[in-house]
N, C-alpha and C. Protein backbone atom coordinates (compact mmCIF):
# COMPACT_ATOMS: atom_id res chain seq x y z
N GLU A 1 84.82 27.74 -40.89
CA GLU A 1 84.70 26.71 -41.83
C GLU A 1 83.25 26.34 -41.78
N SER A 2 82.63 25.70 -42.68
CA SER A 2 81.58 25.24 -43.02
C SER A 2 81.06 24.16 -42.08
N GLY A 3 79.89 23.95 -41.47
CA GLY A 3 79.47 22.89 -40.77
C GLY A 3 80.42 23.04 -39.42
N THR A 4 80.98 23.75 -38.89
CA THR A 4 81.74 23.63 -37.62
C THR A 4 80.82 23.48 -36.54
N GLY A 5 79.52 23.81 -36.51
CA GLY A 5 78.54 23.81 -35.81
C GLY A 5 78.06 25.32 -35.22
N LYS A 6 78.04 26.27 -36.14
CA LYS A 6 77.85 27.57 -35.75
C LYS A 6 76.36 27.72 -35.01
N GLU A 7 75.14 27.01 -35.95
CA GLU A 7 74.23 27.08 -35.64
C GLU A 7 73.92 26.45 -34.22
N VAL A 8 74.48 25.16 -34.10
CA VAL A 8 74.50 24.26 -32.98
C VAL A 8 74.91 25.37 -31.64
N SER A 9 75.91 25.94 -31.82
CA SER A 9 76.54 26.55 -30.82
C SER A 9 75.62 27.81 -30.35
N ALA A 10 75.33 28.32 -31.34
CA ALA A 10 73.96 29.46 -30.96
C ALA A 10 72.78 29.11 -30.43
N ARG A 11 72.31 27.95 -30.75
CA ARG A 11 71.38 27.27 -30.08
C ARG A 11 71.51 27.29 -28.50
N ALA A 12 72.80 26.38 -28.39
CA ALA A 12 73.03 26.23 -26.88
C ALA A 12 73.31 27.49 -26.34
N LEU A 13 73.80 28.60 -26.86
CA LEU A 13 73.79 29.85 -25.83
C LEU A 13 72.51 30.36 -25.56
N HIS A 14 71.60 30.12 -26.69
CA HIS A 14 70.14 30.56 -26.34
C HIS A 14 69.78 29.61 -25.23
N MET A 15 69.60 28.55 -25.37
CA MET A 15 69.02 27.73 -24.16
C MET A 15 69.74 28.05 -23.00
N ALA A 16 70.97 28.18 -22.95
CA ALA A 16 71.75 28.76 -21.52
C ALA A 16 71.37 30.03 -21.30
N SER A 17 70.79 31.11 -21.83
CA SER A 17 70.65 32.40 -21.54
C SER A 17 69.48 32.72 -20.65
N GLY A 18 68.43 31.61 -20.75
CA GLY A 18 67.18 31.66 -19.95
C GLY A 18 66.47 32.94 -20.58
N ARG A 19 66.78 33.16 -21.77
CA ARG A 19 65.57 34.19 -22.56
C ARG A 19 64.14 33.21 -22.80
N PRO A 20 63.16 33.93 -22.31
CA PRO A 20 61.92 33.10 -22.50
C PRO A 20 61.33 32.89 -23.84
N GLY A 21 62.07 34.02 -25.01
CA GLY A 21 61.24 33.83 -26.20
C GLY A 21 62.17 32.86 -27.21
N PRO A 22 61.64 33.00 -28.59
CA PRO A 22 61.99 31.65 -29.53
C PRO A 22 63.63 31.90 -29.78
N PHE A 23 64.17 30.88 -30.41
CA PHE A 23 65.45 30.91 -31.38
C PHE A 23 65.01 30.68 -32.53
N VAL A 24 65.42 31.76 -33.27
CA VAL A 24 64.76 31.92 -34.66
C VAL A 24 66.19 32.09 -35.45
N ALA A 25 66.67 31.23 -36.46
CA ALA A 25 67.77 30.92 -37.28
C ALA A 25 67.42 31.40 -38.74
N VAL A 26 68.45 32.44 -39.31
CA VAL A 26 67.95 32.77 -40.45
C VAL A 26 69.37 32.58 -41.31
N ASN A 27 68.88 32.07 -42.25
CA ASN A 27 70.20 32.12 -43.32
C ASN A 27 70.37 33.18 -44.10
N CYS A 28 71.18 34.16 -44.16
CA CYS A 28 71.38 35.29 -44.76
C CYS A 28 71.44 35.08 -46.46
N THR A 29 72.22 34.03 -46.72
CA THR A 29 72.53 33.63 -48.26
C THR A 29 71.25 33.50 -48.76
N ALA A 30 70.00 32.80 -48.03
CA ALA A 30 68.97 32.15 -48.76
C ALA A 30 67.84 33.27 -48.67
N ILE A 31 68.03 34.54 -48.35
CA ILE A 31 66.98 35.49 -48.46
C ILE A 31 67.25 36.31 -49.80
N PRO A 32 66.23 36.19 -50.64
CA PRO A 32 66.26 37.07 -51.70
C PRO A 32 66.47 38.52 -51.74
N GLU A 33 67.16 39.25 -52.41
CA GLU A 33 67.67 40.71 -51.77
C GLU A 33 66.59 41.62 -51.98
N SER A 34 65.53 41.48 -52.95
CA SER A 34 64.35 41.99 -53.00
C SER A 34 63.44 42.04 -51.95
N LEU A 35 63.41 40.70 -51.15
CA LEU A 35 62.56 40.49 -50.04
C LEU A 35 63.25 40.62 -48.80
N ALA A 36 64.53 40.90 -48.64
CA ALA A 36 65.40 41.01 -47.34
C ALA A 36 64.99 41.93 -46.48
N GLU A 37 64.51 43.29 -46.72
CA GLU A 37 64.06 44.08 -45.73
C GLU A 37 62.66 43.61 -45.00
N SER A 38 62.02 43.02 -45.95
CA SER A 38 60.71 42.57 -45.58
C SER A 38 60.76 41.41 -44.65
N GLN A 39 61.70 40.31 -45.10
CA GLN A 39 62.04 39.17 -44.20
C GLN A 39 62.43 39.48 -42.83
N LEU A 40 63.22 40.35 -42.67
CA LEU A 40 63.98 40.86 -41.56
C LEU A 40 63.17 41.95 -40.55
N PHE A 41 62.60 42.76 -41.22
CA PHE A 41 61.74 43.95 -40.45
C PHE A 41 60.19 43.79 -40.71
N GLY A 42 59.98 42.84 -41.56
CA GLY A 42 58.31 42.80 -41.52
C GLY A 42 57.83 43.71 -42.65
N HIS A 43 56.51 43.47 -42.80
CA HIS A 43 55.70 44.64 -43.76
C HIS A 43 54.32 44.66 -43.23
N LYS A 44 53.76 45.62 -43.53
CA LYS A 44 52.24 45.85 -43.41
C LYS A 44 51.46 45.29 -44.73
N ALA A 45 50.30 44.80 -44.62
CA ALA A 45 49.41 44.39 -45.94
C ALA A 45 49.50 45.23 -46.77
N GLY A 46 49.52 44.92 -48.06
CA GLY A 46 49.32 45.93 -49.03
C GLY A 46 50.86 46.69 -49.50
N ALA A 47 51.82 46.40 -48.64
CA ALA A 47 52.98 47.40 -48.99
C ALA A 47 53.64 47.08 -50.20
N PHE A 48 53.60 45.94 -50.95
CA PHE A 48 53.93 45.60 -52.26
C PHE A 48 53.31 44.61 -52.70
N THR A 49 53.35 44.44 -54.10
CA THR A 49 52.60 43.36 -54.64
C THR A 49 52.88 42.17 -54.36
N GLY A 50 51.71 41.36 -53.73
CA GLY A 50 51.83 40.13 -53.29
C GLY A 50 51.89 39.95 -51.59
N ALA A 51 52.05 41.37 -50.93
CA ALA A 51 51.82 41.38 -49.71
C ALA A 51 50.14 41.53 -49.30
N GLN A 52 49.75 40.39 -49.13
CA GLN A 52 48.39 40.21 -48.82
C GLN A 52 47.95 40.47 -47.30
N ARG A 53 48.94 39.68 -46.75
CA ARG A 53 48.82 39.95 -44.83
C ARG A 53 50.22 40.44 -44.52
N ALA A 54 50.04 41.07 -43.38
CA ALA A 54 51.04 41.40 -42.70
C ALA A 54 51.66 40.37 -42.23
N HIS A 55 53.34 40.63 -42.09
CA HIS A 55 54.24 39.84 -41.69
C HIS A 55 55.18 40.54 -40.67
N ASP A 56 55.51 39.81 -39.48
CA ASP A 56 56.17 40.47 -38.31
C ASP A 56 57.85 40.56 -38.84
N GLY A 57 58.26 39.94 -39.68
CA GLY A 57 59.74 39.68 -39.63
C GLY A 57 60.31 38.93 -38.61
N PHE A 58 61.58 38.74 -38.96
CA PHE A 58 62.61 37.88 -38.32
C PHE A 58 62.54 38.47 -36.84
N PHE A 59 62.81 39.76 -37.01
CA PHE A 59 63.21 40.59 -35.59
C PHE A 59 62.25 40.48 -34.50
N ARG A 60 60.95 40.50 -35.02
CA ARG A 60 59.72 40.68 -34.21
C ARG A 60 59.52 39.36 -33.86
N ALA A 61 59.78 38.30 -34.73
CA ALA A 61 59.40 36.91 -34.59
C ALA A 61 60.39 36.18 -33.35
N ALA A 62 61.61 37.02 -33.37
CA ALA A 62 62.73 36.28 -32.25
C ALA A 62 62.36 37.19 -30.99
N ASP A 63 61.34 38.13 -30.80
CA ASP A 63 61.21 38.97 -29.65
C ASP A 63 61.14 38.10 -28.38
N GLY A 64 62.10 38.61 -27.56
CA GLY A 64 62.47 37.85 -26.40
C GLY A 64 63.51 36.97 -26.38
N GLY A 65 63.81 36.54 -27.22
CA GLY A 65 64.72 35.27 -27.50
C GLY A 65 65.81 35.86 -28.22
N THR A 66 66.34 34.78 -29.02
CA THR A 66 67.64 34.95 -29.78
C THR A 66 67.29 35.15 -31.49
N LEU A 67 68.01 35.72 -32.14
CA LEU A 67 67.92 35.95 -33.55
C LEU A 67 69.44 35.51 -33.95
N PHE A 68 69.51 34.38 -34.83
CA PHE A 68 70.81 33.83 -35.39
C PHE A 68 70.82 34.07 -36.97
N LEU A 69 71.79 34.99 -37.25
CA LEU A 69 71.82 35.60 -38.48
C LEU A 69 73.25 34.88 -39.02
N ASP A 70 72.93 33.64 -39.62
CA ASP A 70 74.08 32.90 -40.37
C ASP A 70 74.39 33.44 -41.56
N GLU A 71 75.54 33.50 -41.82
CA GLU A 71 76.30 33.75 -43.16
C GLU A 71 75.92 35.24 -43.37
N ILE A 72 76.27 36.30 -42.36
CA ILE A 72 76.04 37.33 -42.31
C ILE A 72 76.78 38.22 -42.97
N GLY A 73 78.20 37.80 -43.70
CA GLY A 73 78.71 38.36 -44.46
C GLY A 73 78.22 38.35 -45.95
N ASP A 74 77.21 37.69 -46.10
CA ASP A 74 76.51 37.65 -47.47
C ASP A 74 75.48 38.71 -47.85
N LEU A 75 75.09 39.19 -46.50
CA LEU A 75 74.13 40.35 -46.53
C LEU A 75 74.72 41.72 -47.43
N SER A 76 73.61 42.09 -48.11
CA SER A 76 73.96 42.96 -49.14
C SER A 76 74.16 44.42 -48.26
N LEU A 77 75.26 45.12 -49.40
CA LEU A 77 75.56 46.41 -48.58
C LEU A 77 74.50 47.34 -48.38
N THR A 78 73.49 47.28 -49.14
CA THR A 78 72.22 48.13 -49.12
C THR A 78 71.52 47.69 -47.79
N LEU A 79 71.52 46.53 -47.47
CA LEU A 79 70.76 46.19 -46.28
C LEU A 79 71.59 46.54 -45.14
N GLN A 80 72.95 46.34 -44.97
CA GLN A 80 73.70 46.61 -44.01
C GLN A 80 73.46 47.71 -43.03
N PRO A 81 73.17 48.99 -43.78
CA PRO A 81 72.88 50.31 -42.69
C PRO A 81 71.61 50.25 -42.06
N LYS A 82 70.65 49.34 -42.60
CA LYS A 82 69.41 49.21 -42.02
C LYS A 82 69.52 48.05 -40.88
N LEU A 83 69.95 47.17 -41.04
CA LEU A 83 70.35 46.22 -39.92
C LEU A 83 71.22 46.77 -38.88
N LEU A 84 72.15 47.81 -39.11
CA LEU A 84 72.96 48.41 -37.98
C LEU A 84 72.10 49.35 -37.57
N ARG A 85 71.30 50.00 -38.11
CA ARG A 85 70.06 51.11 -37.37
C ARG A 85 69.41 50.13 -36.33
N ALA A 86 68.45 49.29 -36.80
CA ALA A 86 67.86 48.12 -36.24
C ALA A 86 68.53 47.57 -34.59
N LEU A 87 69.97 47.52 -35.08
CA LEU A 87 70.59 46.99 -33.73
C LEU A 87 70.74 48.02 -32.68
N GLU A 88 71.12 49.09 -33.07
CA GLU A 88 71.46 50.18 -32.37
C GLU A 88 70.46 50.78 -31.67
N GLU A 89 69.14 51.03 -32.64
CA GLU A 89 67.78 51.44 -31.84
C GLU A 89 66.83 50.37 -31.10
N LYS A 90 67.14 49.10 -31.59
CA LYS A 90 66.43 48.03 -30.99
C LYS A 90 64.83 48.44 -31.53
N LYS A 91 64.81 48.82 -32.70
CA LYS A 91 63.84 48.95 -33.34
C LYS A 91 63.82 49.09 -34.60
N VAL A 92 62.46 48.46 -35.41
CA VAL A 92 62.55 48.09 -36.88
C VAL A 92 61.27 49.05 -37.33
N VAL A 93 61.45 49.27 -38.82
CA VAL A 93 60.24 50.02 -39.32
C VAL A 93 59.91 49.07 -40.37
N PRO A 94 58.49 48.26 -40.32
CA PRO A 94 58.32 47.53 -41.18
C PRO A 94 57.88 48.25 -42.80
N VAL A 95 58.31 47.34 -43.62
CA VAL A 95 58.04 47.98 -44.91
C VAL A 95 56.73 48.33 -45.35
N GLY A 96 56.40 49.61 -45.74
CA GLY A 96 55.23 50.37 -45.70
C GLY A 96 54.60 50.97 -44.58
N GLU A 97 55.28 50.85 -43.43
CA GLU A 97 55.23 51.69 -42.19
C GLU A 97 55.59 52.80 -41.88
N THR A 98 55.26 53.80 -41.16
CA THR A 98 56.10 54.95 -40.93
C THR A 98 56.25 54.95 -39.61
N ARG A 99 55.66 53.98 -38.70
CA ARG A 99 56.09 54.08 -37.11
C ARG A 99 57.04 52.85 -36.93
N THR A 100 57.75 52.99 -35.76
CA THR A 100 58.77 52.05 -35.43
C THR A 100 57.99 50.94 -34.58
N VAL A 101 58.59 49.86 -34.61
CA VAL A 101 58.09 48.86 -33.67
C VAL A 101 59.62 48.20 -33.09
N SER A 102 59.39 48.36 -31.65
CA SER A 102 60.33 48.00 -30.47
C SER A 102 60.70 46.29 -30.62
N PHE A 103 61.89 45.97 -30.33
CA PHE A 103 62.11 44.42 -30.12
C PHE A 103 63.08 44.36 -29.01
N ASP A 104 62.96 43.14 -28.27
CA ASP A 104 64.13 42.49 -27.42
C ASP A 104 64.66 41.36 -28.17
N VAL A 105 65.68 41.45 -28.52
CA VAL A 105 66.38 40.34 -29.20
C VAL A 105 68.03 40.07 -28.97
N ARG A 106 68.32 39.04 -28.62
CA ARG A 106 69.93 38.74 -28.53
C ARG A 106 70.27 38.35 -29.90
N VAL A 107 71.22 39.11 -30.82
CA VAL A 107 71.67 38.73 -32.20
C VAL A 107 72.98 38.22 -31.82
N ILE A 108 72.82 36.82 -32.80
CA ILE A 108 74.24 36.08 -32.77
C ILE A 108 74.45 36.00 -34.48
N ALA A 109 75.74 36.45 -34.77
CA ALA A 109 75.80 36.39 -36.34
C ALA A 109 76.87 35.37 -36.46
N ALA A 110 76.98 34.84 -37.29
CA ALA A 110 77.99 33.68 -37.84
C ALA A 110 78.40 33.96 -39.51
N THR A 111 79.46 33.48 -39.66
CA THR A 111 80.06 33.61 -40.97
C THR A 111 81.32 32.82 -41.06
N ASN A 112 81.64 32.24 -42.39
CA ASN A 112 82.93 31.73 -42.58
C ASN A 112 83.80 32.44 -43.36
N GLN A 113 83.15 33.72 -43.56
CA GLN A 113 84.30 34.50 -44.48
C GLN A 113 85.10 35.57 -43.38
N ASP A 114 86.34 36.17 -43.85
CA ASP A 114 87.10 36.92 -42.83
C ASP A 114 86.37 38.38 -43.10
N LEU A 115 85.56 38.72 -42.10
CA LEU A 115 85.05 40.07 -42.16
C LEU A 115 86.07 41.06 -41.94
N GLU A 116 86.78 41.00 -41.26
CA GLU A 116 87.72 41.95 -41.11
C GLU A 116 88.57 42.14 -42.26
N ALA A 117 88.91 41.44 -43.05
CA ALA A 117 89.32 41.64 -44.79
C ALA A 117 88.38 42.26 -45.40
N ARG A 118 87.01 41.96 -45.39
CA ARG A 118 85.86 42.30 -45.87
C ARG A 118 85.88 44.00 -45.52
N VAL A 119 85.80 44.17 -44.54
CA VAL A 119 85.78 45.53 -43.82
C VAL A 119 87.09 46.34 -44.66
N ALA A 120 88.06 45.96 -44.51
CA ALA A 120 89.26 46.37 -45.20
C ALA A 120 89.04 46.67 -47.17
N ASP A 121 88.44 45.79 -47.61
CA ASP A 121 88.02 45.99 -49.21
C ASP A 121 86.96 46.65 -49.08
N GLN A 122 86.30 47.00 -48.08
CA GLN A 122 84.95 47.96 -48.12
C GLN A 122 83.86 46.96 -48.70
N SER A 123 83.93 45.87 -48.65
CA SER A 123 82.78 45.12 -49.05
C SER A 123 81.70 44.77 -47.90
N PHE A 124 82.23 45.08 -46.72
CA PHE A 124 81.36 44.69 -45.34
C PHE A 124 81.28 46.01 -44.68
N ARG A 125 80.34 46.78 -44.11
CA ARG A 125 80.57 48.03 -43.42
C ARG A 125 81.40 47.85 -42.10
N GLY A 126 82.40 48.63 -41.72
CA GLY A 126 83.09 48.47 -40.70
C GLY A 126 82.29 48.90 -39.31
N ASP A 127 81.22 49.75 -39.16
CA ASP A 127 80.35 50.14 -38.11
C ASP A 127 79.52 48.73 -37.75
N LEU A 128 78.95 48.20 -38.83
CA LEU A 128 78.16 47.11 -38.57
C LEU A 128 78.91 45.79 -38.06
N TYR A 129 80.48 45.68 -38.50
CA TYR A 129 81.21 44.90 -37.94
C TYR A 129 81.26 45.19 -36.46
N ALA A 130 81.59 46.36 -36.27
CA ALA A 130 82.03 46.61 -35.00
C ALA A 130 80.89 46.40 -33.79
N ARG A 131 79.62 46.63 -34.42
CA ARG A 131 78.51 46.24 -33.64
C ARG A 131 78.25 45.10 -33.29
N LEU A 132 78.53 44.05 -34.50
CA LEU A 132 78.31 42.59 -34.21
C LEU A 132 79.61 42.00 -33.57
N ALA A 133 80.75 42.31 -33.62
CA ALA A 133 81.90 41.66 -32.74
C ALA A 133 82.21 42.11 -31.76
N GLN A 134 81.46 42.49 -30.89
CA GLN A 134 81.38 42.88 -29.47
C GLN A 134 82.00 41.54 -28.74
N LEU A 135 81.73 40.50 -29.05
CA LEU A 135 82.03 39.20 -28.41
C LEU A 135 82.51 38.07 -29.69
N THR A 136 83.63 37.75 -29.56
CA THR A 136 83.90 36.76 -30.63
C THR A 136 84.05 35.63 -30.59
N VAL A 137 83.41 34.38 -31.25
CA VAL A 137 83.90 33.02 -30.72
C VAL A 137 84.29 32.37 -32.10
N ASN A 138 85.45 31.97 -31.99
CA ASN A 138 85.75 31.25 -33.18
C ASN A 138 85.52 29.55 -33.20
N LEU A 139 85.02 28.92 -33.83
CA LEU A 139 84.72 27.57 -33.83
C LEU A 139 85.66 27.01 -34.86
N PRO A 140 86.72 26.24 -34.31
CA PRO A 140 87.68 25.65 -35.19
C PRO A 140 86.92 24.30 -35.76
N PRO A 141 87.37 23.75 -37.09
CA PRO A 141 86.85 22.48 -37.46
C PRO A 141 86.88 21.37 -36.46
N LEU A 142 86.07 20.47 -36.48
CA LEU A 142 86.00 19.40 -35.54
C LEU A 142 87.26 18.62 -35.46
N ARG A 143 88.07 18.21 -36.62
CA ARG A 143 89.37 17.67 -36.43
C ARG A 143 90.23 18.38 -35.46
N ARG A 144 89.83 19.58 -34.86
CA ARG A 144 90.79 20.28 -34.38
C ARG A 144 90.36 20.17 -32.70
N ARG A 145 89.19 19.76 -32.58
CA ARG A 145 88.45 19.82 -31.09
C ARG A 145 87.81 18.51 -31.16
N ARG A 146 88.84 17.40 -31.07
CA ARG A 146 88.18 15.95 -30.97
C ARG A 146 87.39 15.70 -29.47
N GLU A 147 87.69 16.50 -28.73
CA GLU A 147 87.14 16.16 -27.52
C GLU A 147 85.51 16.54 -27.39
N ASP A 148 85.00 17.31 -28.62
CA ASP A 148 83.58 17.59 -28.61
C ASP A 148 82.81 16.29 -29.59
N ILE A 149 83.70 15.46 -30.33
CA ILE A 149 83.22 14.63 -31.11
C ILE A 149 81.95 13.44 -30.39
N LEU A 150 82.19 12.86 -29.10
CA LEU A 150 81.65 12.02 -28.51
C LEU A 150 80.41 12.86 -27.89
N THR A 151 80.66 13.98 -27.34
CA THR A 151 79.60 14.77 -26.51
C THR A 151 78.38 15.02 -27.77
N LEU A 152 78.96 15.59 -28.95
CA LEU A 152 78.00 15.93 -30.13
C LEU A 152 77.40 14.76 -30.63
N LEU A 153 77.85 13.55 -30.57
CA LEU A 153 77.25 12.33 -31.14
C LEU A 153 76.35 11.78 -30.16
N SER A 154 76.54 11.82 -28.82
CA SER A 154 75.63 11.65 -27.81
C SER A 154 74.50 12.49 -27.69
N ALA A 155 74.79 13.67 -27.98
CA ALA A 155 73.49 14.62 -28.06
C ALA A 155 72.67 14.20 -28.98
N HIS A 156 73.12 13.92 -30.13
CA HIS A 156 72.34 13.35 -31.30
C HIS A 156 71.67 11.99 -31.09
N LEU A 157 72.24 11.44 -30.45
CA LEU A 157 71.98 9.86 -30.35
C LEU A 157 70.69 9.92 -29.15
N GLY A 158 70.80 10.52 -28.09
CA GLY A 158 69.90 10.70 -27.20
C GLY A 158 70.12 9.99 -25.92
N PRO A 159 69.43 9.84 -24.97
CA PRO A 159 69.95 9.15 -23.41
C PRO A 159 69.74 7.94 -23.48
N HIS A 160 68.82 7.32 -24.54
CA HIS A 160 68.45 6.06 -24.43
C HIS A 160 69.38 5.03 -25.39
N ALA A 161 70.34 5.69 -25.92
CA ALA A 161 71.19 4.95 -26.91
C ALA A 161 72.06 3.93 -26.27
N PRO A 162 72.21 2.94 -26.66
CA PRO A 162 73.01 1.65 -26.18
C PRO A 162 74.47 2.34 -26.14
N PRO A 163 75.49 1.73 -25.32
CA PRO A 163 76.81 1.93 -25.43
C PRO A 163 77.60 1.65 -26.48
N MET A 164 78.46 2.40 -27.13
CA MET A 164 79.08 1.98 -28.17
C MET A 164 80.12 1.18 -28.07
N ALA A 165 80.55 0.38 -28.85
CA ALA A 165 81.69 -0.52 -28.60
C ALA A 165 83.09 0.26 -28.70
N PRO A 166 83.94 -0.03 -27.97
CA PRO A 166 85.45 0.50 -27.75
C PRO A 166 86.08 0.76 -29.12
N ASP A 167 85.83 -0.25 -30.03
CA ASP A 167 86.51 0.09 -31.42
C ASP A 167 85.88 1.02 -32.19
N LEU A 168 84.56 1.38 -32.04
CA LEU A 168 83.60 2.00 -33.07
C LEU A 168 84.28 3.51 -32.19
N VAL A 169 84.12 3.97 -30.86
CA VAL A 169 84.79 4.92 -30.20
C VAL A 169 86.04 5.26 -30.81
N GLU A 170 86.99 4.33 -30.84
CA GLU A 170 88.35 4.66 -31.48
C GLU A 170 88.10 5.12 -32.81
N SER A 171 87.65 4.69 -33.71
CA SER A 171 87.35 4.99 -34.99
C SER A 171 86.48 6.37 -35.15
N LEU A 172 85.87 6.90 -34.29
CA LEU A 172 85.08 7.84 -34.42
C LEU A 172 85.94 9.03 -34.09
N LEU A 173 86.87 8.61 -33.15
CA LEU A 173 87.88 9.79 -32.46
C LEU A 173 89.02 10.08 -33.64
N VAL A 174 89.38 8.94 -34.43
CA VAL A 174 90.58 8.97 -35.61
C VAL A 174 90.16 9.74 -36.71
N TYR A 175 88.64 9.46 -36.91
CA TYR A 175 88.08 9.62 -38.37
C TYR A 175 88.52 11.43 -38.61
N PRO A 176 88.88 12.11 -39.61
CA PRO A 176 88.94 13.35 -39.63
C PRO A 176 87.85 14.46 -39.89
N TRP A 177 86.62 13.87 -39.98
CA TRP A 177 85.50 14.68 -39.81
C TRP A 177 85.48 15.92 -40.94
N PRO A 178 85.41 15.49 -42.17
CA PRO A 178 85.84 16.74 -43.29
C PRO A 178 84.53 17.62 -43.33
N HIS A 179 83.56 17.24 -42.76
CA HIS A 179 82.37 17.84 -43.04
C HIS A 179 81.77 18.21 -41.44
N ASN A 180 82.51 18.27 -40.53
CA ASN A 180 82.44 18.53 -39.32
C ASN A 180 81.02 18.22 -38.48
N VAL A 181 80.41 19.09 -37.71
CA VAL A 181 79.11 18.89 -37.21
C VAL A 181 78.20 18.20 -37.83
N ARG A 182 78.07 18.78 -39.39
CA ARG A 182 76.79 17.91 -39.95
C ARG A 182 77.18 16.56 -40.40
N GLU A 183 78.35 16.42 -40.49
CA GLU A 183 78.59 14.78 -40.77
C GLU A 183 78.43 13.98 -39.29
N ILE A 184 78.61 14.57 -38.18
CA ILE A 184 78.39 13.76 -36.95
C ILE A 184 76.89 13.80 -36.80
N ILE A 185 76.10 14.66 -37.36
CA ILE A 185 74.62 14.57 -37.30
C ILE A 185 73.89 13.26 -38.27
N ALA A 186 74.94 13.30 -39.43
CA ALA A 186 74.44 12.31 -40.28
C ALA A 186 74.90 10.72 -39.92
N VAL A 187 75.90 10.86 -39.33
CA VAL A 187 76.41 9.55 -38.73
C VAL A 187 75.44 8.93 -37.71
N ALA A 188 75.17 10.09 -36.78
CA ALA A 188 74.19 9.66 -35.44
C ALA A 188 72.93 9.08 -36.37
N THR A 189 72.52 9.46 -37.30
CA THR A 189 71.07 8.90 -37.60
C THR A 189 71.30 7.55 -38.10
N GLU A 190 72.47 7.23 -38.38
CA GLU A 190 72.85 5.66 -38.99
C GLU A 190 73.16 4.98 -37.97
N LEU A 191 73.65 5.29 -36.52
CA LEU A 191 73.93 4.47 -35.65
C LEU A 191 72.53 4.00 -34.90
């Protein structure tokens, strides 16, 4: 479900991992298909019209850290085998280059789609799914994990927030949170 905290969870995994590199979040839906390969794997200067400077790409930007690929189910079928190859070889070939560049990245992918069904109807590659689904975590909607509500709210309010009144706490715990973690963050900014 949208807004359940996939990126918040991915960031928490990165923080707990001890990996020294950065956390880089990429919304696969927002990458224009014509630029997807360049944005993920990088490009050299002059590789295409408008490529005035070299660009590292998201994989190399996250080197030593975590690359979070949100909405992986929206990645085009043409880019999926290139992503699979990069994950298997731990190397990318920037657009316009002939040499490979190594990277050390933990990849976390998220989607609100049923990728097993997408594999069955051949709109998502089975080999890429198998590579990405080595460990699967299901994040249920917030209304089914009410024990997280106050923890998430406290995390966004900060350590110096005044205590909440008991009736406010009760209201927060019974509210259905239709927009999930996104809504918790919005409420935290208003308190």
